[in-house]
Amino acid sequence: MRSIQRPARPYATAATPDESVPLEATTAHGEEVPLRSGMPDKLILTVSEAAVCLGISRAFAYELANRREIPAIRLGRRLLVPREQLLRFISAASKTDE
């Protein structure tokens, strides 16, 4: 049985080698999401992009969006996450944890 090899991802080197951060991540559909700023510059994100930004799985992000625990809107059959609402959601969640 052959093992599947994934392509190597480029990594930015930080002050020390163990603090390297990926420059981009790939969603389940092959979309590349930049991680330098932590979030793409688009107004509306796909659920897959939001999942990468939040550091959770795509399936869990869809589950949270369907339960309305993360902000999401439906356009036709697509479920999308408004960037500004996601940022406000994260900010509010981090304030309640303090």
Foldseek 3Di string as FASTA:
>chain_A
DDDDDDDDFDWDDDPDNVPIDTQWDAFPVRDIAGCPVLADPDQKAALRRVCSSVVHHSVVSVVCVVVVVAPWDDDPNGIIHGPVSNVVSVVVVVVVVD
